[in-house]
Amino acid sequence: MIRTCFIILYIALVSADIANADDVFTRINNGIAFKMMRDIDIITNINENHFISPISVTQMAFDYYLSVPKDKRSVFIPFFGEDIDRQDLLSAFGDYRKRISTDTQDAVFVSSNMMMLSNKYQFNKEYIDDVSSVLGEKTVLVDFSDNSAVESTVNKFVFETTKGFLKGIKVPADKDTLFLFMNVSMFKSAWLYKFEPSFSGYFKRIGNSPVRAQFMGLKTDKISYITYDGLTCVKLPFRDKYSMLVIYSKEGLPLDKIDLVSFEKILSLFSRQNKDIHSEIKLVMPKFSIISIKNKLGHMLTRIGLPKSHSGRIANVTIPQYLENIFSLSVFEIDENGAQAYSSVLRIPTIESPYEIIIDSPFCFFIIENNTSAILFEGILLNPAAE
């Protein structure tokens, strides 16, 4: 049986036409983000933290879309929420990827793609050219029966993209694999306003006793917060052009109140705030790390509308593709310094403030690119002490 395989790895002055394209891509990406978040079964996975990169899933879905004959692509409209079958629109995605990325001393966000093709088949040149143009993919011919060589190629790509952070990736491919699409996205940045080092406290859990966790604190009048529909929303700026949006409710995990419409409303309220006038706040939130492995991501994507199978235009034979073989590994860690691997155990002094936000129970969070509002990573923290 011929197999296809997708792997997604995450580590959380333009013209009017291009700006409109940016809006379309952000709507598609953020729409996918909320479809995935609302599909999470919190009841059966009551202590399993959630973390994934919508921008990575969006690129995988675009690759899948481009592999379908043009007269069959209308089946993707419900999933994307847009008809994207316009060459000028698709060709603008490469520029969009560049605009949401950065690689500076202050922050890094990179999202790179690689396509590994079996040397047993002759592949459709138009398809290869399309994905290279839209996704900037690096294309490599391989013998999938040589698993060690395949894993060596994959890990070289991952190691270089993540600057040595990830390595030792196992590849779920075999001699019958037709191709392997891989996206690697990595984000790293320091907070613009540094938190005080950690102290111990208790984090409330859904349906379970509290767990001991390390917290960090910040007293400032520089960050933005709003209240909306019973939610407390805090926008924490990283250096450069990224922020972490935390959405929290004392009444419990606010998933039923969070969708694309409310998210856009929250961002619009932040944008309308007077940037020069803020009340001083005391913010306390947990330090945490998440390693999220999703072996059946394809099942989730079909539940939220991505077509389950089709006969593609990839190679010189008619080959049915299925979405079962999609795997994701997501790694995220924040502490008082930012989104990076670092730890420190000190005590925070007691601080007084007119407005206090203590986030000590489950919450949603999003890493966003400020100029486009694109969600790069999304997560749900249920248990900061989870392994």
Protein backbone atom coordinates (compact mmCIF):
# COMPACT_ATOMS: atom_id res chain seq x y z
CA MET A 1 0.00 0.00 0.00
CA ILE A 2 1.33 3.42 -0.94
CA ARG A 3 1.50 5.77 2.01
CA THR A 4 1.79 9.51 2.39
CA CYS A 5 3.08 11.09 5.54
CA PHE A 6 3.00 14.57 7.07
CA ILE A 7 5.10 15.59 10.06
CA ILE A 8 4.59 18.90 11.83
CA LEU A 9 7.13 19.99 14.46
CA TYR A 10 6.72 23.13 16.54
CA ILE A 11 9.08 24.55 18.98
CA ALA A 12 5.57 28.13 20.40
CA LEU A 13 4.97 49.35 3.38
CA VAL A 14 2.80 46.86 1.47
CA SER A 15 0.32 47.45 -1.34
CA ALA A 16 -3.42 47.33 -0.69
CA ASP A 17 -3.69 44.04 -2.60
CA ILE A 18 -1.02 42.38 -0.48
CA ALA A 19 -2.61 43.76 2.69
CA ASN A 20 -5.90 42.19 1.62
CA ALA A 21 -4.10 38.90 1.04
CA ASP A 22 -2.66 39.19 4.56
CA ASP A 23 -6.19 39.56 5.93
CA VAL A 24 -7.32 36.44 4.04
CA PHE A 25 -4.41 34.32 5.27
CA THR A 26 -4.86 35.54 8.86
CA ARG A 27 -8.59 34.70 8.76
CA ILE A 28 -7.82 31.21 7.42
CA ASN A 29 -5.04 30.58 9.94
CA ASN A 30 -6.92 31.93 12.96
CA GLY A 31 -10.10 30.13 11.90
CA ILE A 32 -8.17 26.84 11.88
CA ALA A 33 -6.72 27.73 15.30
CA PHE A 34 -10.15 28.04 16.91
CA LYS A 35 -11.57 24.99 15.17
CA MET A 36 -8.71 22.96 16.67
CA MET A 37 -9.03 24.53 20.11
CA ARG A 38 -12.76 23.89 20.31
CA ASP A 39 -12.25 20.28 19.20
CA ILE A 40 -10.06 19.51 22.22
CA ASP A 41 -11.80 17.06 24.54
CA ILE A 42 -11.02 18.58 27.93
CA ILE A 43 -13.27 16.15 29.81
CA THR A 44 -11.47 12.97 28.77
CA ASN A 45 -8.00 14.60 28.86
CA ILE A 46 -8.53 16.54 32.05
CA ASN A 47 -4.83 17.04 32.85
CA GLU A 48 -3.39 16.95 29.33
CA ASN A 49 -2.09 20.36 28.31
CA HIS A 50 -2.71 21.42 24.72
CA PHE A 51 -0.19 23.17 22.48
CA ILE A 52 -0.01 23.37 18.70
CA SER A 53 1.02 25.74 15.90
CA PRO A 54 -1.89 26.81 13.67
CA ILE A 55 0.52 28.39 11.17
CA SER A 56 2.19 24.99 10.74
CA VAL A 57 -1.15 23.22 10.26
CA THR A 58 -2.22 25.92 7.77
CA GLN A 59 0.89 25.26 5.66
CA MET A 60 0.33 21.50 5.79
CA ALA A 61 -3.28 22.08 4.66
CA PHE A 62 -2.08 24.30 1.77
CA ASP A 63 0.28 21.53 0.65
CA TYR A 64 -2.61 19.05 0.78
CA TYR A 65 -4.81 21.52 -1.15
CA LEU A 66 -2.18 22.01 -3.90
CA SER A 67 -1.94 18.24 -4.38
CA VAL A 68 -5.60 18.10 -5.42
CA PRO A 69 -6.62 18.61 -9.09
CA LYS A 70 -7.97 22.15 -9.56
CA ASP A 71 -11.48 20.99 -10.47
CA LYS A 72 -11.75 19.14 -7.11
CA ARG A 73 -10.56 21.91 -4.75
CA SER A 74 -13.98 23.28 -3.83
CA VAL A 75 -14.19 20.61 -1.10
CA PHE A 76 -11.66 22.69 0.88
CA ILE A 77 -13.82 25.84 1.04
CA PRO A 78 -15.68 24.81 4.25
CA PHE A 79 -12.36 24.09 5.98
CA PHE A 80 -10.57 27.29 4.91
CA GLY A 81 -13.71 29.44 5.02
CA GLU A 82 -12.43 31.04 1.80
CA ASP A 83 -12.09 30.17 -1.87
CA ILE A 84 -8.33 30.52 -2.30
CA ASP A 85 -8.14 29.14 -5.86
CA ARG A 86 -6.51 32.30 -7.22
CA GLN A 87 -2.89 32.20 -8.33
CA ASP A 88 -2.25 35.81 -7.26
CA LEU A 89 -3.53 35.02 -3.77
CA LEU A 90 -1.58 31.79 -3.37
CA SER A 91 1.63 33.36 -4.66
CA ALA A 92 1.32 36.08 -1.98
CA PHE A 93 1.53 33.49 0.82
CA GLY A 94 5.32 33.35 0.57
CA ASP A 95 5.50 37.08 1.30
CA TYR A 96 3.04 36.66 4.16
CA ARG A 97 5.27 33.98 5.70
CA LYS A 98 8.22 36.37 5.48
CA ARG A 99 6.30 39.23 7.11
CA ILE A 100 5.28 37.20 10.16
CA SER A 101 8.81 35.81 10.58
CA THR A 102 11.90 37.35 12.10
CA ASP A 103 15.42 36.32 13.06
CA THR A 104 17.02 39.02 15.19
CA GLN A 105 18.88 39.31 18.47
CA ASP A 106 15.58 40.08 20.21
CA ALA A 107 13.31 37.41 18.73
CA VAL A 108 13.21 34.44 16.38
CA PHE A 109 10.22 33.03 14.57
CA VAL A 110 10.97 30.73 11.65
CA SER A 111 8.66 28.32 9.86
CA SER A 112 10.34 26.14 7.24
CA ASN A 113 9.02 23.35 5.03
CA MET A 114 10.66 20.33 3.43
CA MET A 115 9.21 17.75 1.04
CA MET A 116 10.86 14.35 0.80
CA LEU A 117 9.82 12.45 -2.35
CA SER A 118 10.22 8.75 -3.01
CA ASN A 119 12.73 8.02 -5.78
CA LYS A 120 10.44 5.19 -6.94
CA TYR A 121 8.03 7.59 -8.69
CA GLN A 122 8.06 10.37 -11.25
CA PHE A 123 6.41 13.39 -9.63
CA ASN A 124 4.22 16.03 -11.25
CA LYS A 125 6.45 19.05 -11.96
CA GLU A 126 3.54 21.50 -11.79
CA TYR A 127 2.70 20.32 -8.26
CA ILE A 128 6.36 20.54 -7.16
CA ASP A 129 6.64 24.06 -8.63
CA ASP A 130 3.40 25.14 -6.93
CA VAL A 131 4.38 24.02 -3.44
CA SER A 132 7.87 25.48 -3.86
CA SER A 133 6.38 28.83 -4.88
CA VAL A 134 3.68 28.96 -2.20
CA LEU A 135 5.42 27.27 0.73
CA GLY A 136 9.10 27.74 -0.09
CA GLU A 137 9.65 24.03 0.32
CA LYS A 138 13.00 22.37 0.07
CA THR A 139 12.51 19.23 -2.07
CA VAL A 140 14.64 16.10 -1.62
CA LEU A 141 14.48 12.72 -3.40
CA VAL A 142 15.00 9.80 -1.02
CA ASP A 143 14.83 6.03 -0.80
CA PHE A 144 12.28 5.47 1.99
CA SER A 145 13.42 1.86 2.39
CA ASP A 146 16.66 3.27 3.89
CA ASN A 147 15.21 4.51 7.17
CA SER A 148 18.53 5.60 8.65
CA ALA A 149 19.26 7.87 5.65
CA VAL A 150 15.72 9.30 5.82
CA GLU A 151 16.05 10.06 9.53
CA SER A 152 19.47 11.60 8.96
CA THR A 153 18.02 13.97 6.33
CA VAL A 154 15.05 14.87 8.55
CA ASN A 155 17.17 15.52 11.62
CA LYS A 156 19.66 17.67 9.70
CA PHE A 157 16.75 19.85 8.54
CA VAL A 158 15.22 20.01 12.04
CA PHE A 159 18.59 20.71 13.71
CA GLU A 160 19.41 23.56 11.32
CA THR A 161 15.92 25.13 11.50
CA THR A 162 15.70 25.03 15.30
CA LYS A 163 19.34 26.08 15.74
CA GLY A 164 20.18 22.81 17.49
CA PHE A 165 17.19 22.79 19.87
CA LEU A 166 15.55 19.62 18.50
CA LYS A 167 17.25 16.44 17.35
CA GLY A 168 16.76 12.69 17.41
CA ILE A 169 13.39 12.77 15.61
CA LYS A 170 11.98 9.35 14.71
CA VAL A 171 10.36 9.20 11.25
CA PRO A 172 7.13 7.18 10.79
CA ALA A 173 7.87 6.25 7.17
CA ASP A 174 8.65 2.98 5.37
CA LYS A 175 9.40 1.62 1.90
CA ASP A 176 5.79 2.24 0.74
CA THR A 177 5.83 5.94 1.63
CA LEU A 178 5.18 8.19 -1.37
CA PHE A 179 6.27 11.47 0.17
CA LEU A 180 6.82 13.15 3.52
CA PHE A 181 5.89 16.80 4.13
CA MET A 182 7.57 18.39 7.13
CA ASN A 183 7.07 21.79 8.70
CA VAL A 184 9.30 23.02 11.51
CA SER A 185 8.27 26.20 13.32
CA MET A 186 10.27 27.74 16.16
CA PHE A 187 9.65 30.79 18.32
CA LYS A 188 11.99 32.27 20.90
CA SER A 189 11.92 35.70 22.52
CA ALA A 190 12.48 37.53 25.78
CA TRP A 191 9.72 39.48 27.50
CA LEU A 192 9.77 43.21 26.84
CA TYR A 193 9.10 43.71 30.57
CA LYS A 194 10.87 41.11 32.63
CA PHE A 195 9.05 39.17 35.36
CA GLU A 196 10.42 38.78 38.86
CA PRO A 197 11.91 35.32 39.55
CA SER A 198 9.79 32.43 40.71
CA PHE A 199 8.05 31.52 43.93
CA SER A 200 5.95 28.52 44.95
CA GLY A 201 2.17 28.43 45.00
CA TYR A 202 -0.83 26.25 44.14
CA PHE A 203 -2.53 25.96 40.75
CA LYS A 204 -6.18 24.87 40.69
CA ARG A 205 -7.13 22.02 38.34
CA ILE A 206 -10.40 20.91 36.76
CA GLY A 207 -11.94 18.11 38.83
CA ASN A 208 -8.73 17.46 40.77
CA SER A 209 -6.89 18.77 43.80
CA PRO A 210 -4.53 21.75 43.29
CA VAL A 211 -0.91 21.10 42.38
CA ARG A 212 2.17 22.90 43.61
CA ALA A 213 3.73 25.05 40.87
CA GLN A 214 6.30 27.76 40.35
CA PHE A 215 4.85 31.23 39.70
CA MET A 216 6.33 34.50 38.45
CA GLY A 217 5.19 38.06 39.07
CA LEU A 218 5.17 41.43 37.34
CA LYS A 219 4.21 44.87 38.66
CA THR A 220 3.88 47.46 35.91
CA ASP A 221 1.74 50.07 34.19
CA LYS A 222 3.21 49.20 30.80
CA ILE A 223 1.16 46.18 29.76
CA SER A 224 -2.40 46.07 28.50
CA TYR A 225 -5.31 44.22 30.05
CA ILE A 226 -9.06 44.29 29.46
CA THR A 227 -12.13 42.56 30.82
CA TYR A 228 -14.66 41.25 28.31
CA ASP A 229 -17.74 39.05 28.81
CA GLY A 230 -16.50 37.75 32.14
CA LEU A 231 -12.97 37.15 30.82
CA THR A 232 -9.73 38.75 31.95
CA CYS A 233 -7.39 39.24 28.99
CA VAL A 234 -3.74 40.23 29.35
CA LYS A 235 -1.46 41.07 26.41
CA LEU A 236 2.18 40.45 27.31
CA PRO A 237 4.64 41.88 24.79
CA PHE A 238 7.76 40.04 23.77
CA ARG A 239 10.64 41.92 22.24
CA ASP A 240 10.23 42.69 18.53
CA LYS A 241 6.73 42.20 17.05
CA TYR A 242 5.14 39.38 19.04
CA SER A 243 2.86 39.11 22.07
CA MET A 244 1.38 36.46 24.31
CA LEU A 245 -2.36 36.88 24.85
CA VAL A 246 -3.61 35.16 28.01
CA ILE A 247 -7.39 34.67 28.42
CA TYR A 248 -8.52 33.66 31.88
CA SER A 249 -11.70 33.36 33.92
CA LYS A 250 -12.10 32.68 37.62
CA GLU A 251 -15.25 30.73 36.72
CA GLY A 252 -13.26 28.03 34.90
CA LEU A 253 -11.64 27.34 31.55
CA PRO A 254 -13.32 29.83 29.16
CA LEU A 255 -13.43 27.68 26.01
CA ASP A 256 -17.17 28.17 25.56
CA LYS A 257 -16.66 31.94 25.35
CA ILE A 258 -13.65 31.91 23.00
CA ASP A 259 -14.11 31.78 19.26
CA LEU A 260 -12.79 33.71 16.27
CA VAL A 261 -15.39 36.50 16.66
CA SER A 262 -14.66 37.07 20.36
CA PHE A 263 -10.90 36.82 19.74
CA GLU A 264 -11.08 39.55 17.07
CA LYS A 265 -13.26 41.65 19.40
CA ILE A 266 -10.70 41.31 22.18
CA LEU A 267 -7.87 42.37 19.86
CA SER A 268 -9.90 45.37 18.67
CA LEU A 269 -10.45 46.44 22.29
CA PHE A 270 -6.70 46.26 22.90
CA SER A 271 -6.02 48.34 19.78
CA ARG A 272 -8.46 51.04 20.92
CA GLN A 273 -6.90 51.42 24.34
CA ASN A 274 -5.04 54.64 25.07
CA LYS A 275 -1.48 53.41 24.92
CA ASP A 276 -0.28 56.19 27.26
CA ILE A 277 -2.70 55.55 30.13
CA HIS A 278 -2.63 52.27 32.03
CA SER A 279 -3.50 51.38 35.58
CA GLU A 280 -0.68 49.75 37.44
CA ILE A 281 -1.29 46.03 37.80
CA LYS A 282 0.18 43.12 39.64
CA LEU A 283 0.21 40.02 37.45
CA VAL A 284 0.99 36.56 38.81
CA MET A 285 1.05 33.53 36.51
CA PRO A 286 2.72 30.11 36.47
CA LYS A 287 5.94 29.18 34.82
CA PHE A 288 5.38 26.09 32.70
CA SER A 289 6.59 23.90 29.89
CA ILE A 290 4.52 21.76 27.53
CA ILE A 291 5.57 18.84 25.39
CA SER A 292 2.54 17.89 23.30
CA ILE A 293 2.68 14.85 21.02
CA LYS A 294 -0.33 14.29 18.76
CA ASN A 295 -0.12 10.97 16.90
CA LYS A 296 -3.60 11.27 15.40
CA LEU A 297 -3.70 14.89 14.29
CA GLY A 298 -5.27 13.78 11.00
CA HIS A 299 -8.36 12.56 12.87
CA MET A 300 -8.83 15.98 14.48
CA LEU A 301 -8.41 17.77 11.14
CA THR A 302 -11.03 15.62 9.43
CA ARG A 303 -13.44 16.26 12.31
CA ILE A 304 -13.08 20.02 11.78
CA GLY A 305 -13.60 19.81 8.02
CA LEU A 306 -10.38 18.94 6.17
CA PRO A 307 -11.22 16.40 3.41
CA LYS A 308 -10.28 12.91 4.55
CA SER A 309 -8.98 11.52 1.25
CA HIS A 310 -8.60 12.25 -2.44
CA SER A 311 -6.76 11.11 -5.54
CA GLY A 312 -3.98 13.60 -6.07
CA ARG A 313 -1.97 15.20 -8.84
CA ILE A 314 1.33 14.41 -7.15
CA ALA A 315 2.83 11.65 -9.26
CA ASN A 316 2.46 9.94 -12.62
CA VAL A 317 -0.01 7.42 -11.16
CA THR A 318 -3.40 7.97 -9.55
CA ILE A 319 -2.69 7.65 -5.85
CA PRO A 320 -5.29 7.89 -3.07
CA GLN A 321 -4.11 9.98 -0.13
CA TYR A 322 -5.38 9.71 3.43
CA LEU A 323 -4.98 11.99 6.41
CA GLU A 324 -4.29 9.31 9.01
CA ASN A 325 -0.52 9.79 8.97
CA ILE A 326 -0.14 13.25 10.47
CA PHE A 327 2.05 13.53 13.56
CA SER A 328 2.93 16.59 15.61
CA LEU A 329 5.46 17.29 18.32
CA SER A 330 5.08 20.66 20.05
CA VAL A 331 7.46 22.04 22.67
CA PHE A 332 6.87 25.24 24.66
CA GLU A 333 8.45 26.71 27.76
CA ILE A 334 8.05 30.10 29.41
CA ASP A 335 9.64 31.56 32.50
CA GLU A 336 10.37 34.99 33.94
CA ASN A 337 12.76 35.79 31.08
CA GLY A 338 10.51 34.91 28.17
CA ALA A 339 9.76 31.98 25.90
CA GLN A 340 13.07 30.19 26.25
CA ALA A 341 14.73 27.36 28.17
CA TYR A 342 15.79 28.91 31.43
CA SER A 343 15.08 28.40 35.14
CA SER A 344 15.66 30.29 38.36
CA VAL A 345 14.41 29.69 41.90
CA LEU A 346 14.14 32.91 43.93
CA ARG A 347 11.41 34.47 46.03
CA ILE A 348 9.32 37.36 44.73
CA PRO A 349 8.76 40.19 47.19
CA THR A 350 5.23 41.12 48.22
CA ILE A 351 3.90 43.89 45.97
CA GLU A 352 0.76 46.00 46.27
CA SER A 353 -1.26 47.21 43.27
CA PRO A 354 -4.63 48.84 42.50
CA TYR A 355 -5.54 45.91 40.21
CA GLU A 356 -4.39 42.36 40.80
CA ILE A 357 -4.54 39.52 38.28
CA ILE A 358 -3.64 36.14 39.74
CA ILE A 359 -3.81 33.38 37.14
CA ASP A 360 -3.84 30.24 39.24
CA SER A 361 -6.28 28.02 37.35
CA PRO A 362 -6.57 26.72 33.74
CA PHE A 363 -6.32 29.29 30.95
CA CYS A 364 -5.93 29.69 27.18
CA PHE A 365 -2.96 31.45 25.61
CA PHE A 366 -1.91 32.54 22.13
CA ILE A 367 1.39 33.69 20.63
CA ILE A 368 0.48 36.28 18.00
CA GLU A 369 2.31 38.39 15.42
CA ASN A 370 1.20 41.94 16.18
CA ASN A 371 1.03 43.41 12.66
CA THR A 372 -1.25 40.73 11.16
CA SER A 373 -2.76 39.29 14.38
CA ALA A 374 -1.81 35.83 13.05
CA ILE A 375 -1.89 33.12 15.72
CA LEU A 376 1.49 31.38 15.53
CA PHE A 377 0.91 29.06 18.49
CA GLU A 378 -2.06 28.33 20.75
CA GLY A 379 -2.30 26.46 24.00
CA ILE A 380 -4.39 25.45 26.98
CA LEU A 381 -2.66 25.07 30.35
CA LEU A 382 -4.49 22.63 32.62
CA ASN A 383 -1.62 21.50 34.83
CA PRO A 384 1.75 23.31 35.01
CA ALA A 385 3.18 20.37 36.97
CA ALA A 386 2.42 17.80 34.24
CA GLU A 387 5.40 15.93 32.84
